[in-house]
Amino acid sequence: MHDAVLDTSPLIHLHEIDCRDLVTAVFRNIYIPEHVESEIRNEPILQFIHLYPDQIKVLKNPESELFSTKNAYSTYQLHLADLAVLNLLTKIVDAVAVTDDLALRKAIESSGRTAVGTIGIIFRAFKLDVIDQSQLKDIVDRIFNDSTLYLNSAFRARVLAMVELLK
C-alpha cells in the first residue's frame, strides 16, 4: 500500500456515495494539507478525517514554501490548496497525489509524480480485494450517477469498459 497526499475532491466525491472508507482501505498513510481541510465545509467529511488520527494526518505548509511552489508552477492555474498538495509532495517523496482537479494533475505529472483520482481509488480498492466485482460495478455506477464528479464521456466509457472486462 502507498502513502497519499489528498486533495479535496476525492473526499467529497466518495462522501457523496458513502464510500469514504475506501481512502483508508487503500492508502497506508494519508496526508491532507491544512489548506485542503479548510476547503471542506462538510462536517461528516471533517469528522471522518479526524476519526483516523494515526492514519490521516493534517499538515501545515509554511507560507514561504507555498509562495515558492506558486512560482515553480506559475504556468498552471492553481488554488492555494493545490499549491499545498504540491508542496507536501516535495516532502513526502513516496506518496501518490490524489486529486480530480485537471490543472493540479497536470502540474503533478509535470514533476514526474503519480496522480490518481476518485476512479483510481475505486479500482485500487478492487485490486486490493477491499471490494469485489459486484461492489466495483455498483460504486462506479453511483460515482457516475450520484456524485458531482465530472468525467468526460470518453473517460466514462473507458471506465465502464474496464469494469465490463473484469466480469
Protein backbone atom coordinates (compact mmCIF):
# COMPACT_ATOMS: atom_id res chain seq x y z
CA MET A 1 0.00 0.00 0.00
CA HIS A 2 1.15 3.50 -0.83
CA ASP A 3 1.04 6.72 1.14
CA ALA A 4 -1.09 9.51 -0.33
CA VAL A 5 -1.43 13.27 -0.31
CA LEU A 6 -5.12 14.08 -0.73
CA ASP A 7 -6.83 16.98 -2.38
CA THR A 8 -10.41 17.96 -1.54
CA SER A 9 -12.33 16.48 -4.47
CA PRO A 10 -11.87 12.72 -3.91
CA LEU A 11 -13.02 13.06 -0.30
CA ILE A 12 -16.11 14.94 -1.42
CA HIS A 13 -16.99 12.54 -4.24
CA LEU A 14 -16.51 9.41 -2.12
CA HIS A 15 -18.57 11.01 0.64
CA GLU A 16 -21.40 11.67 -1.82
CA ILE A 17 -21.73 7.92 -2.39
CA ASP A 18 -20.94 6.94 1.21
CA CYS A 19 -17.59 5.33 0.34
CA ARG A 20 -15.16 7.48 2.34
CA ASP A 21 -13.65 4.36 3.90
CA LEU A 22 -12.12 3.34 0.58
CA VAL A 23 -9.47 6.02 1.15
CA THR A 24 -8.28 4.48 4.40
CA ALA A 25 -8.54 0.98 2.95
CA VAL A 26 -6.21 1.63 0.00
CA PHE A 27 -3.60 4.00 1.43
CA ARG A 28 -1.28 3.31 4.35
CA ASN A 29 -0.70 6.91 5.47
CA ILE A 30 -2.81 9.80 4.27
CA TYR A 31 -1.61 13.37 4.36
CA ILE A 32 -4.01 16.25 3.97
CA PRO A 33 -2.70 19.80 3.71
CA GLU A 34 -4.29 22.18 6.19
CA HIS A 35 -5.48 24.28 3.23
CA VAL A 36 -7.36 21.28 1.85
CA GLU A 37 -9.00 20.65 5.21
CA SER A 38 -10.09 24.29 5.39
CA GLU A 39 -11.81 23.95 1.97
CA ILE A 40 -14.04 21.19 3.29
CA ARG A 41 -17.32 22.54 4.56
CA ASN A 42 -18.99 19.17 5.09
CA GLU A 43 -18.98 18.18 8.77
CA PRO A 44 -19.18 14.39 8.17
CA ILE A 45 -16.05 14.57 5.97
CA LEU A 46 -14.21 16.57 8.64
CA GLN A 47 -15.30 14.03 11.26
CA PHE A 48 -14.03 11.23 9.02
CA ILE A 49 -10.62 12.90 8.71
CA HIS A 50 -10.31 13.15 12.48
CA LEU A 51 -11.61 9.60 13.06
CA TYR A 52 -8.26 8.11 11.95
CA PRO A 53 -5.55 10.24 13.63
CA ASP A 54 -2.91 7.51 13.26
CA GLN A 55 -3.54 7.14 9.53
CA ILE A 56 -4.78 10.56 8.38
CA LYS A 57 -2.57 13.49 9.23
CA VAL A 58 -3.41 17.13 8.55
CA LEU A 59 -0.17 19.02 7.89
CA LYS A 60 0.67 22.71 7.68
CA ASN A 61 2.53 24.28 4.80
CA PRO A 62 4.64 27.34 5.60
CA GLU A 63 3.52 30.35 3.56
CA SER A 64 7.05 30.86 2.25
CA GLU A 65 7.04 27.35 0.79
CA LEU A 66 3.64 27.90 -0.82
CA PHE A 67 4.98 31.06 -2.43
CA SER A 68 7.95 29.10 -3.84
CA THR A 69 5.60 26.38 -5.08
CA LYS A 70 3.42 29.01 -6.75
CA ASN A 71 6.46 30.38 -8.57
CA ALA A 72 7.58 26.89 -9.63
CA TYR A 73 4.15 26.07 -11.09
CA SER A 74 3.18 29.52 -12.38
CA THR A 75 2.09 28.16 -15.77
CA TYR A 76 -0.79 26.27 -14.12
CA GLN A 77 -3.97 27.80 -12.74
CA LEU A 78 -3.74 26.51 -9.19
CA HIS A 79 -5.53 27.42 -5.98
CA LEU A 80 -3.95 27.62 -2.55
CA ALA A 81 -5.00 24.06 -1.64
CA ASP A 82 -3.47 22.82 -4.91
CA LEU A 83 -0.19 24.51 -4.06
CA ALA A 84 -0.31 22.92 -0.62
CA VAL A 85 -0.73 19.45 -2.19
CA LEU A 86 2.23 20.07 -4.49
CA ASN A 87 4.33 21.35 -1.62
CA LEU A 88 3.61 18.28 0.53
CA LEU A 89 4.54 16.04 -2.37
CA THR A 90 8.05 17.53 -2.32
CA LYS A 91 8.36 16.42 1.31
CA ILE A 92 6.64 13.03 1.13
CA VAL A 93 8.51 11.61 -1.81
CA ASP A 94 6.94 8.13 -1.88
CA ALA A 95 3.35 9.36 -1.76
CA VAL A 96 0.94 9.45 -4.67
CA ALA A 97 -1.21 12.51 -5.17
CA VAL A 98 -4.95 12.01 -5.10
CA THR A 99 -7.00 14.63 -6.94
CA ASP A 100 -9.67 15.01 -9.59
CA ASP A 101 -8.55 18.54 -10.46
CA LEU A 102 -7.17 18.57 -14.01
CA ALA A 103 -4.80 21.54 -13.60
CA LEU A 104 -3.36 20.03 -10.43
CA ARG A 105 -2.97 16.62 -12.09
CA LYS A 106 -1.05 18.21 -14.96
CA ALA A 107 1.23 20.06 -12.53
CA ILE A 108 1.86 16.86 -10.55
CA GLU A 109 2.61 14.84 -13.66
CA SER A 110 4.92 17.58 -14.98
CA SER A 111 7.12 16.93 -11.95
CA GLY A 112 7.24 13.21 -12.73
CA ARG A 113 4.92 12.21 -9.90
CA THR A 114 1.89 9.94 -9.97
CA ALA A 115 -1.62 11.32 -9.63
CA VAL A 116 -4.76 9.26 -9.19
CA GLY A 117 -8.34 10.37 -8.78
CA THR A 118 -11.53 9.07 -7.29
CA ILE A 119 -11.82 6.41 -10.00
CA GLY A 120 -8.26 5.33 -9.24
CA ILE A 121 -9.14 4.87 -5.57
CA ILE A 122 -12.11 2.70 -6.52
CA PHE A 123 -10.01 0.49 -8.82
CA ARG A 124 -7.24 0.24 -6.20
CA ALA A 125 -9.87 -0.96 -3.72
CA PHE A 126 -10.84 -3.70 -6.17
CA LYS A 127 -7.22 -4.64 -6.89
CA LEU A 128 -6.53 -4.92 -3.15
CA ASP A 129 -9.65 -7.08 -2.63
CA VAL A 130 -11.29 -4.43 -0.47
CA ILE A 131 -14.33 -4.64 -2.76
CA ASP A 132 -15.48 -7.40 -5.11
CA GLN A 133 -16.61 -7.14 -8.75
CA SER A 134 -20.24 -6.51 -7.96
CA GLN A 135 -19.32 -3.78 -5.46
CA LEU A 136 -16.96 -2.27 -8.04
CA LYS A 137 -19.74 -2.02 -10.59
CA ASP A 138 -22.15 -0.60 -8.03
CA ILE A 139 -19.65 2.00 -6.79
CA VAL A 140 -18.72 3.06 -10.33
CA ASP A 141 -22.41 3.39 -11.21
CA ARG A 142 -23.00 5.51 -8.10
CA ILE A 143 -19.97 7.72 -8.70
CA PHE A 144 -21.28 8.45 -12.21
CA ASN A 145 -24.92 8.90 -11.22
CA ASP A 146 -24.98 10.13 -7.63
CA SER A 147 -21.89 12.28 -7.22
CA THR A 148 -20.74 15.63 -8.56
CA LEU A 149 -17.62 14.11 -10.15
CA TYR A 150 -17.44 15.26 -13.75
CA LEU A 151 -15.85 12.89 -16.24
CA ASN A 152 -15.93 13.45 -19.96
CA SER A 153 -17.85 10.87 -21.98
CA ALA A 154 -14.73 9.22 -23.43
CA PHE A 155 -13.19 8.59 -20.00
CA ARG A 156 -16.53 7.48 -18.63
CA ALA A 157 -16.87 4.95 -21.47
CA ARG A 158 -13.33 3.71 -20.84
CA VAL A 159 -14.04 3.18 -17.14
CA LEU A 160 -17.26 1.30 -17.89
CA ALA A 161 -15.41 -0.87 -20.43
CA MET A 162 -12.76 -1.69 -17.82
CA VAL A 163 -15.47 -2.74 -15.37
CA GLU A 164 -17.10 -4.95 -18.02
CA LEU A 165 -13.76 -6.60 -18.86
CA LEU A 166 -13.40 -7.70 -15.26
CA LYS A 167 -16.52 -9.88 -15.46
